[in-house]
Amino acid sequence: MLILDVTVVNVALPDMAADLDLGREALTWVVTAYTLCFGGLLLLGGRLADALGARRTLLAGLVLFTAASLVTGLSENAPMVLGGRIGQGVGAALLSPAALSIVTTTFHGAERNKALGVWAAIGGIGSAAGVLLGGALTDGPGWEWVFYINVPVGLLLLVALPACVPARAPQPSRLDVPGALLVTAGTAALIYGLVEAGDAGWVDASTLLPLAGAAVAYAAFAAVERDSGAPLMDLRMFTRRPVLAGAFLMLIATALLIAFFFLGSVYLQHIRGFSPLRTGLVFLPVAVATGIGAHLGSRLVGRIGSRPTAVAGMAVAAAGTVPLTRLSETGSVYAGLLPGFVIASLGIGAVFVTATTTALAMVEHREAGLASGVVNTFHEVGGSIGVAVVSTVAASGFEGGSVVGFGDAFTVCAVAAAVSAVLALGLVPRGKPQSTGGPHVH
């Protein structure tokens, strides 16, 4: 349900914009508000699961996520829908680490590996189902049902979970609330500045002030974490080359994939006149290709190592994106857009696996949990930053219905993938990762 809510909303964006009179900035925040709060508060959610107990945190997050989904579906204006998406993101930040904690403490040995495999598979299914379900619901009962559908699921889980999930005693844990607020505020200011740049220009005060505020917030976060007895994110982890490489790869891969969904949905419906359902069907092969790329990547990492797999994955992503830079208003979507998306997604899927295995399998067992939290955070925040950047570059396409803006945005994606392939040569460690048996990310 949490992964689905990242992708399902993309197909509904044009209908939401028409019904609620949302401009480009508000439309961007519909996506980024969720992933921003999800990623920014994820580590705090993990600490709360330790301090209050995983089941209690899971149920609290589920109540918040379900209520926020109802509010978002009932929205009649931009503030209400954005408030609902923020509530969903906070609920997701409580739900995800609590659920993973329950999985890792309930199962042991080989059974834990099987359970984590199911966890990862469900995450992949959620991504694929999101684009198709989003199109079907938007084309049928309306975009509101993209959010309403979470309500009966949430209520059913609230009834079933207490009977299925055993209660465990909470572990003493200090909460770094200032750190969580600073990193979330810093990322919000960064995204706001990027979104504003599309209209105000990069040297305008309305752009520079939030970007400067983001820098100050990040500096304050680093100071707080350095002096905290129980830091939210141990910044010394970034001196570990595998963790730094994994976080970088996860940030870029997620930014590219979510940007593709965002740009592609608006292009297909706003420029080409596709229905939401038809748009969802176009994206389905993209989601499947991402899963196939992840499967191939897991095999390649074990055979040739992390570095060549990461470089090859980013190079394939760049090659697949190049045809998208020449989008037109009349060419065949199935001969132009779709093949490029599928090829790029194959590469991105391989990078996802490489990011996870590099960060988790090349660090000490006792650090695997912290490394997984770092990589998960960059996964969610990467989606926010990716959407903000491409929305800014494609501003002319959003406002004037011009395909030129979308081509420029895909050019930025292609360059980012190509540059990342070069950087991966020096950043990603040599060798084949050896599993630590620690926690995993999806």
Protein backbone atom coordinates (compact mmCIF):
# COMPACT_ATOMS: atom_id res chain seq x y z
CA MET A 1 0.00 0.00 0.00
CA LEU A 2 2.84 2.41 0.84
CA ILE A 3 4.82 1.72 -2.35
CA LEU A 4 1.66 1.81 -4.44
CA ASP A 5 0.92 5.33 -3.18
CA VAL A 6 4.18 6.59 -4.68
CA THR A 7 3.27 5.54 -8.23
CA VAL A 8 -0.54 5.38 -8.23
CA VAL A 9 -0.94 9.15 -7.89
CA ASN A 10 1.17 9.95 -10.97
CA VAL A 11 -1.48 8.70 -13.41
CA ALA A 12 -4.18 10.71 -11.60
CA LEU A 13 -2.26 14.02 -11.66
CA PRO A 14 -3.86 15.62 -14.76
CA ASP A 15 -7.41 14.89 -13.55
CA MET A 16 -6.55 16.21 -10.08
CA ALA A 17 -5.10 19.36 -11.64
CA ALA A 18 -8.28 19.96 -13.63
CA ASP A 19 -10.71 19.34 -10.75
CA LEU A 20 -8.78 21.20 -8.04
CA ASP A 21 -7.26 23.91 -10.25
CA LEU A 22 -3.69 22.87 -9.40
CA GLY A 23 -0.78 24.64 -11.07
CA ARG A 24 2.59 23.10 -11.82
CA GLU A 25 3.97 23.90 -8.36
CA ALA A 26 1.02 22.39 -6.51
CA LEU A 27 1.02 19.35 -8.81
CA THR A 28 4.70 18.78 -8.03
CA TRP A 29 4.02 18.96 -4.30
CA VAL A 30 1.25 16.35 -4.58
CA VAL A 31 4.03 13.85 -5.34
CA THR A 32 6.88 15.30 -3.30
CA ALA A 33 4.96 16.05 -0.08
CA TYR A 34 4.40 12.31 0.41
CA THR A 35 7.91 11.10 -0.42
CA LEU A 36 9.49 14.02 1.47
CA CYS A 37 7.73 13.25 4.77
CA PHE A 38 8.12 9.51 4.20
CA GLY A 39 11.87 9.77 3.69
CA GLY A 40 12.58 12.66 6.07
CA LEU A 41 10.90 10.98 9.05
CA LEU A 42 11.75 7.37 8.23
CA LEU A 43 14.66 7.06 10.67
CA LEU A 44 12.61 8.70 13.44
CA GLY A 45 9.84 6.18 12.72
CA GLY A 46 12.34 3.38 13.20
CA ARG A 47 13.41 4.79 16.57
CA LEU A 48 9.77 5.13 17.63
CA ALA A 49 9.20 1.48 16.75
CA ASP A 50 12.03 0.60 19.17
CA ALA A 51 10.87 2.99 21.89
CA LEU A 52 7.12 2.30 21.79
CA GLY A 53 7.06 -1.21 20.32
CA ALA A 54 6.74 -2.19 16.67
CA ARG A 55 3.07 -3.25 16.82
CA ARG A 56 1.97 -0.07 18.60
CA THR A 57 3.88 2.10 16.11
CA LEU A 58 2.49 0.08 13.20
CA LEU A 59 -1.10 0.58 14.35
CA ALA A 60 -0.57 4.30 15.02
CA GLY A 61 0.92 4.78 11.55
CA LEU A 62 -1.91 2.80 9.99
CA VAL A 63 -4.57 4.97 11.68
CA LEU A 64 -2.83 8.14 10.48
CA PHE A 65 -2.25 6.84 6.94
CA THR A 66 -5.87 5.66 6.58
CA ALA A 67 -7.34 8.92 7.92
CA ALA A 68 -5.03 11.00 5.72
CA SER A 69 -6.04 8.94 2.66
CA LEU A 70 -9.69 9.76 3.36
CA VAL A 71 -8.89 13.46 3.76
CA THR A 72 -6.93 13.49 0.48
CA GLY A 73 -9.79 11.85 -1.40
CA LEU A 74 -12.28 14.38 0.02
CA SER A 75 -10.05 17.33 -0.96
CA GLU A 76 -11.64 20.30 -2.68
CA ASN A 77 -8.58 22.55 -2.94
CA ALA A 78 -4.78 22.51 -2.98
CA PRO A 79 -4.15 23.06 0.77
CA MET A 80 -6.43 20.15 1.68
CA VAL A 81 -4.89 17.71 -0.77
CA LEU A 82 -1.34 18.68 0.22
CA GLY A 83 -2.23 18.37 3.91
CA GLY A 84 -3.59 14.90 3.23
CA ARG A 85 -0.45 13.88 1.37
CA ILE A 86 1.73 15.13 4.24
CA GLY A 87 -0.36 13.05 6.65
CA GLN A 88 0.06 10.00 4.41
CA GLY A 89 3.84 10.53 4.36
CA VAL A 90 4.08 10.79 8.15
CA GLY A 91 1.93 7.67 8.52
CA ALA A 92 4.12 5.81 6.01
CA ALA A 93 7.26 6.82 7.95
CA LEU A 94 5.77 5.10 11.02
CA LEU A 95 4.44 2.09 9.13
CA SER A 96 7.39 1.03 6.99
CA PRO A 97 10.17 0.61 9.60
CA ALA A 98 7.73 -0.89 12.12
CA ALA A 99 6.58 -3.48 9.58
CA LEU A 100 10.17 -4.38 8.62
CA SER A 101 11.10 -4.62 12.30
CA ILE A 102 8.28 -7.12 12.87
CA VAL A 103 9.46 -9.20 9.90
CA THR A 104 13.10 -9.27 11.02
CA THR A 105 12.28 -10.14 14.66
CA THR A 106 9.56 -12.73 13.90
CA PHE A 107 11.57 -14.85 11.44
CA HIS A 108 15.07 -16.25 11.85
CA GLY A 109 17.70 -17.93 9.71
CA ALA A 110 16.55 -19.20 6.32
CA GLU A 111 12.94 -18.29 7.15
CA ARG A 112 13.96 -14.66 7.55
CA ASN A 113 15.52 -14.63 4.08
CA LYS A 114 12.28 -16.04 2.65
CA ALA A 115 10.23 -13.44 4.51
CA LEU A 116 12.45 -10.61 3.29
CA GLY A 117 12.08 -11.98 -0.23
CA VAL A 118 8.30 -11.76 0.11
CA TRP A 119 8.70 -8.20 1.47
CA ALA A 120 10.76 -7.17 -1.57
CA ALA A 121 8.40 -8.93 -4.01
CA ILE A 122 5.37 -7.14 -2.56
CA GLY A 123 7.19 -3.82 -2.95
CA GLY A 124 7.80 -4.58 -6.62
CA ILE A 125 4.18 -5.64 -7.14
CA GLY A 126 3.05 -2.39 -5.52
CA SER A 127 5.05 -0.33 -8.01
CA ALA A 128 3.67 -2.24 -10.99
CA ALA A 129 0.10 -2.35 -9.69
CA GLY A 130 0.16 1.36 -8.87
CA VAL A 131 0.35 2.58 -12.45
CA LEU A 132 -2.38 0.21 -13.65
CA LEU A 133 -4.68 0.68 -10.66
CA GLY A 134 -4.23 4.45 -10.80
CA GLY A 135 -5.35 4.51 -14.42
CA ALA A 136 -8.32 2.21 -13.87
CA LEU A 137 -9.61 4.12 -10.84
CA THR A 138 -9.09 7.57 -12.37
CA ASP A 139 -10.79 6.53 -15.60
CA GLY A 140 -13.63 4.83 -13.67
CA PRO A 141 -15.00 6.25 -10.40
CA GLY A 142 -12.54 9.16 -10.39
CA TRP A 143 -9.14 10.22 -9.04
CA GLU A 144 -10.53 10.40 -5.49
CA TRP A 145 -10.65 6.61 -5.41
CA VAL A 146 -6.88 6.46 -5.79
CA PHE A 147 -6.94 7.50 -2.12
CA TYR A 148 -10.29 6.12 -1.00
CA ILE A 149 -9.14 2.58 -1.78
CA ASN A 150 -6.69 2.79 1.14
CA VAL A 151 -9.55 3.28 3.62
CA PRO A 152 -11.17 -0.20 3.54
CA VAL A 153 -7.72 -1.82 3.33
CA GLY A 154 -6.55 0.20 6.34
CA LEU A 155 -9.66 -0.62 8.38
CA LEU A 156 -9.31 -4.32 7.58
CA LEU A 157 -5.67 -4.27 8.70
CA LEU A 158 -6.57 -2.44 11.91
CA VAL A 159 -8.89 -5.32 12.78
CA ALA A 160 -6.55 -8.12 11.65
CA LEU A 161 -3.14 -6.93 12.88
CA PRO A 162 -3.71 -7.15 16.66
CA ALA A 163 -4.71 -10.79 16.23
CA CYS A 164 -1.85 -11.67 13.87
CA VAL A 165 1.09 -9.68 15.22
CA PRO A 166 2.33 -10.43 18.75
CA ALA A 167 3.08 -7.55 21.10
CA ARG A 168 6.70 -7.23 22.22
CA ALA A 169 8.23 -5.16 24.98
CA PRO A 170 9.63 -1.85 23.70
CA GLN A 171 13.37 -1.24 23.84
CA PRO A 172 14.72 1.83 25.64
CA SER A 173 15.58 4.33 22.91
CA ARG A 174 16.20 8.08 22.83
CA LEU A 175 14.42 10.05 20.13
CA ASP A 176 16.28 12.64 18.07
CA VAL A 177 13.28 14.83 17.24
CA PRO A 178 15.36 17.97 16.46
CA GLY A 179 17.42 16.01 13.95
CA ALA A 180 14.32 14.64 12.21
CA LEU A 181 12.73 18.09 11.96
CA LEU A 182 15.92 19.72 10.67
CA VAL A 183 16.58 17.17 7.91
CA THR A 184 12.93 17.25 6.82
CA ALA A 185 12.81 21.06 6.86
CA GLY A 186 16.09 21.26 4.94
CA THR A 187 14.85 18.90 2.23
CA ALA A 188 11.51 20.75 2.04
CA ALA A 189 13.35 24.07 1.56
CA LEU A 190 15.57 22.50 -1.12
CA ILE A 191 12.57 21.15 -3.03
CA TYR A 192 10.66 24.43 -2.67
CA GLY A 193 13.62 26.34 -4.10
CA LEU A 194 13.92 23.91 -7.02
CA VAL A 195 10.20 24.15 -7.82
CA GLU A 196 10.23 27.96 -7.63
CA ALA A 197 13.21 28.10 -9.98
CA GLY A 198 10.96 27.11 -12.87
CA ASP A 199 9.11 30.42 -12.66
CA ALA A 200 11.40 32.84 -10.83
CA GLY A 201 14.76 31.90 -12.27
CA TRP A 202 17.81 30.55 -10.48
CA VAL A 203 19.15 33.96 -9.37
CA ASP A 204 15.87 35.30 -8.00
CA ALA A 205 15.53 35.86 -4.24
CA SER A 206 12.50 33.57 -4.04
CA THR A 207 14.75 30.75 -5.24
CA LEU A 208 18.02 31.59 -3.47
CA LEU A 209 16.48 32.16 -0.03
CA PRO A 210 14.96 28.68 0.34
CA LEU A 211 18.12 27.09 -1.10
CA ALA A 212 20.21 29.01 1.43
CA GLY A 213 17.75 27.95 4.13
CA ALA A 214 18.21 24.34 3.08
CA ALA A 215 22.00 24.67 3.42
CA VAL A 216 21.62 26.18 6.91
CA ALA A 217 19.19 23.44 8.00
CA TYR A 218 21.52 20.69 6.74
CA ALA A 219 24.48 22.30 8.54
CA ALA A 220 22.44 22.50 11.76
CA PHE A 221 21.40 18.86 11.28
CA ALA A 222 25.04 17.81 10.98
CA ALA A 223 25.89 19.73 14.17
CA VAL A 224 22.98 18.21 16.09
CA GLU A 225 23.84 14.68 14.94
CA ARG A 226 27.51 15.11 15.85
CA ASP A 227 26.70 16.19 19.41
CA SER A 228 23.75 13.85 20.02
CA GLY A 229 24.13 10.84 22.29
CA ALA A 230 21.62 8.95 20.14
CA PRO A 231 21.83 10.48 16.65
CA LEU A 232 19.08 9.87 14.13
CA MET A 233 21.72 9.32 11.44
CA ASP A 234 25.29 8.58 12.40
CA LEU A 235 27.08 10.78 9.87
CA ARG A 236 30.22 8.68 10.32
CA MET A 237 28.43 6.12 8.16
CA PHE A 238 29.22 8.35 5.19
CA THR A 239 32.92 7.75 5.78
CA ARG A 240 32.15 4.12 4.86
CA ARG A 241 32.63 4.03 1.12
CA PRO A 242 30.08 1.24 0.51
CA VAL A 243 27.33 3.14 2.35
CA LEU A 244 28.14 6.39 0.56
CA ALA A 245 28.11 4.60 -2.81
CA GLY A 246 24.85 2.80 -2.02
CA ALA A 247 23.15 6.01 -0.88
CA PHE A 248 24.30 7.86 -4.01
CA LEU A 249 23.12 5.12 -6.35
CA MET A 250 19.76 4.86 -4.58
CA LEU A 251 19.24 8.64 -4.73
CA ILE A 252 19.91 8.85 -8.48
CA ALA A 253 18.01 5.68 -9.41
CA THR A 254 14.89 6.69 -7.49
CA ALA A 255 15.06 10.27 -8.76
CA LEU A 256 15.18 9.00 -12.36
CA LEU A 257 12.40 6.43 -12.02
CA ILE A 258 9.89 8.68 -10.22
CA ALA A 259 10.74 11.54 -12.61
CA PHE A 260 9.93 9.20 -15.53
CA PHE A 261 6.53 8.35 -14.08
CA PHE A 262 5.80 12.01 -13.35
CA LEU A 263 6.89 13.40 -16.73
CA GLY A 264 5.47 10.51 -18.72
CA SER A 265 2.04 10.75 -17.10
CA VAL A 266 1.67 14.47 -17.74
CA TYR A 267 3.08 14.19 -21.28
CA LEU A 268 0.80 11.33 -22.28
CA GLN A 269 -2.36 12.90 -20.90
CA HIS A 270 -1.64 16.63 -21.27
CA ILE A 271 0.15 16.60 -24.64
CA ARG A 272 -1.01 13.38 -26.30
CA GLY A 273 -4.56 13.17 -24.92
CA PHE A 274 -4.28 9.64 -23.48
CA SER A 275 -6.88 8.50 -20.97
CA PRO A 276 -5.67 7.62 -17.44
CA LEU A 277 -6.26 3.89 -18.04
CA ARG A 278 -4.37 3.93 -21.34
CA THR A 279 -1.54 5.81 -19.60
CA GLY A 280 -1.43 3.16 -16.87
CA LEU A 281 -1.20 0.42 -19.48
CA VAL A 282 1.75 2.21 -21.15
CA PHE A 283 3.57 2.32 -17.81
CA LEU A 284 2.95 -1.32 -16.94
CA PRO A 285 5.84 -2.65 -19.09
CA VAL A 286 8.06 -0.02 -17.48
CA ALA A 287 7.30 -1.36 -13.99
CA VAL A 288 7.85 -4.93 -15.20
CA ALA A 289 11.15 -3.94 -16.84
CA THR A 290 12.33 -2.45 -13.54
CA GLY A 291 11.68 -5.79 -11.84
CA ILE A 292 13.48 -7.72 -14.59
CA GLY A 293 16.42 -5.32 -14.34
CA ALA A 294 16.58 -5.89 -10.59
CA HIS A 295 16.63 -9.66 -11.12
CA LEU A 296 19.40 -9.42 -13.72
CA GLY A 297 21.29 -6.97 -11.50
CA SER A 298 21.25 -9.36 -8.55
CA ARG A 299 22.85 -12.03 -10.72
CA LEU A 300 25.43 -9.68 -12.20
CA VAL A 301 26.50 -8.30 -8.82
CA GLY A 302 27.33 -11.84 -7.68
CA ARG A 303 29.21 -12.65 -10.89
CA ILE A 304 31.08 -9.51 -11.94
CA GLY A 305 30.83 -7.32 -8.83
CA SER A 306 29.10 -4.09 -7.77
CA ARG A 307 31.14 -1.54 -9.71
CA PRO A 308 30.66 -2.89 -13.26
CA THR A 309 26.98 -3.60 -12.55
CA ALA A 310 26.38 -0.05 -11.30
CA VAL A 311 28.25 1.51 -14.23
CA ALA A 312 26.46 -0.69 -16.77
CA GLY A 313 23.05 -0.02 -15.18
CA MET A 314 23.52 3.76 -15.28
CA ALA A 315 24.88 3.59 -18.85
CA VAL A 316 21.82 1.59 -19.98
CA ALA A 317 19.55 4.11 -18.21
CA ALA A 318 21.28 6.97 -20.04
CA ALA A 319 21.03 5.18 -23.40
CA GLY A 320 17.33 4.49 -22.92
CA THR A 321 16.64 8.10 -21.98
CA VAL A 322 18.34 9.62 -25.04
CA PRO A 323 15.41 8.86 -27.44
CA LEU A 324 13.05 10.54 -24.95
CA THR A 325 14.85 13.84 -25.45
CA ARG A 326 13.35 14.02 -28.96
CA LEU A 327 9.68 13.64 -28.05
CA SER A 328 7.14 15.01 -30.50
CA GLU A 329 3.44 15.77 -30.41
CA THR A 330 2.65 13.33 -33.23
CA GLY A 331 5.11 10.42 -33.21
CA SER A 332 4.14 6.95 -32.06
CA VAL A 333 4.25 6.54 -28.29
CA TYR A 334 4.76 2.78 -28.66
CA ALA A 335 7.68 3.13 -31.07
CA GLY A 336 9.35 6.10 -29.39
CA LEU A 337 8.49 6.74 -25.76
CA LEU A 338 7.80 3.20 -24.55
CA PRO A 339 11.01 1.48 -25.79
CA GLY A 340 13.12 4.24 -24.25
CA PHE A 341 11.31 3.95 -20.94
CA VAL A 342 11.67 0.15 -20.90
CA ILE A 343 15.40 0.20 -21.68
CA ALA A 344 16.08 2.91 -19.11
CA SER A 345 14.05 1.05 -16.48
CA LEU A 346 16.04 -2.14 -17.03
CA GLY A 347 19.19 -0.23 -16.12
CA ILE A 348 17.56 1.51 -13.16
CA GLY A 349 16.34 -1.82 -11.78
CA ALA A 350 19.89 -3.16 -11.81
CA VAL A 351 21.13 -0.02 -10.04
CA PHE A 352 18.51 -0.44 -7.28
CA VAL A 353 19.85 -3.90 -6.44
CA THR A 354 23.46 -2.73 -6.65
CA ALA A 355 22.75 0.17 -4.28
CA THR A 356 21.18 -2.13 -1.70
CA THR A 357 23.77 -4.91 -1.84
CA THR A 358 26.70 -2.48 -1.86
CA ALA A 359 25.50 -0.58 1.20
CA LEU A 360 24.41 -3.61 3.21
CA ALA A 361 26.69 -6.45 2.20
CA MET A 362 29.98 -4.56 2.38
CA VAL A 363 29.57 -3.18 5.92
CA GLU A 364 29.91 -4.88 9.28
CA HIS A 365 26.95 -6.89 10.55
CA ARG A 366 26.43 -4.53 13.50
CA GLU A 367 26.14 -1.56 11.10
CA ALA A 368 23.77 -3.17 8.60
CA GLY A 369 20.62 -1.86 10.28
CA LEU A 370 21.85 1.73 10.26
CA ALA A 371 23.05 1.41 6.66
CA SER A 372 19.64 0.13 5.57
CA GLY A 373 17.98 3.14 7.22
CA VAL A 374 20.32 5.53 5.41
CA VAL A 375 19.69 3.92 2.02
CA ASN A 376 15.91 3.81 2.60
CA THR A 377 15.95 7.52 3.43
CA PHE A 378 17.80 8.36 0.22
CA HIS A 379 15.30 6.17 -1.67
CA GLU A 380 12.33 8.30 -0.62
CA VAL A 381 14.05 11.70 -0.70
CA GLY A 382 15.47 10.92 -4.15
CA GLY A 383 11.96 10.70 -5.56
CA SER A 384 11.12 14.14 -4.18
CA ILE A 385 14.23 15.78 -5.60
CA GLY A 386 13.85 14.09 -8.98
CA VAL A 387 10.28 15.31 -9.45
CA ALA A 388 11.18 18.83 -8.29
CA VAL A 389 14.07 19.11 -10.77
CA VAL A 390 12.24 17.81 -13.85
CA SER A 391 9.13 19.85 -13.01
CA THR A 392 11.29 22.96 -12.98
CA VAL A 393 13.01 22.14 -16.29
CA ALA A 394 9.70 21.19 -17.96
CA ALA A 395 7.88 24.29 -16.69
CA SER A 396 7.20 25.59 -20.22
CA GLY A 397 5.64 22.29 -21.21
CA PHE A 398 3.32 22.30 -18.19
CA GLU A 399 2.12 25.85 -18.66
CA GLY A 400 2.00 26.11 -22.44
CA GLY A 401 1.38 22.56 -23.55
CA SER A 402 4.74 22.51 -25.35
CA VAL A 403 6.61 19.27 -25.87
CA VAL A 404 9.94 21.16 -25.81
CA GLY A 405 9.95 21.43 -22.02
CA PHE A 406 9.51 17.68 -21.63
CA GLY A 407 12.39 16.99 -24.03
CA ASP A 408 14.62 19.30 -21.99
CA ALA A 409 13.66 17.49 -18.77
CA PHE A 410 14.50 14.11 -20.25
CA THR A 411 17.83 15.56 -21.43
CA VAL A 412 18.62 16.41 -17.81
CA CYS A 413 17.75 12.82 -16.85
CA ALA A 414 20.02 11.41 -19.56
CA VAL A 415 22.93 13.62 -18.50
CA ALA A 416 22.38 12.74 -14.83
CA ALA A 417 22.48 9.01 -15.63
CA ALA A 418 25.60 9.35 -17.80
CA VAL A 419 27.46 11.45 -15.22
CA SER A 420 26.45 8.99 -12.49
CA ALA A 421 27.89 6.12 -14.54
CA VAL A 422 31.24 7.93 -14.63
CA LEU A 423 31.11 8.78 -10.91
CA ALA A 424 30.26 5.16 -10.07
CA LEU A 425 33.61 4.11 -11.58
CA GLY A 426 35.42 5.88 -8.77
CA LEU A 427 32.84 5.66 -5.97
CA VAL A 428 31.58 2.07 -5.97
CA PRO A 429 34.05 -0.37 -4.34
CA ARG A 430 35.61 -3.19 -6.30
CA GLY A 431 34.74 -6.80 -5.66
CA LYS A 432 31.69 -8.92 -5.07
CA PRO A 433 29.57 -8.19 -1.99
CA GLN A 434 29.36 -10.80 0.74
CA SER A 435 26.09 -10.80 2.68
CA THR A 436 26.19 -9.71 6.33
CA GLY A 437 22.78 -11.21 7.04
CA GLY A 438 21.56 -7.83 8.27
CA PRO A 439 18.32 -6.02 7.48
CA HIS A 440 17.44 -5.32 3.87
CA VAL A 441 15.61 -2.64 1.95
CA HIS A 442 13.12 -3.07 -0.87
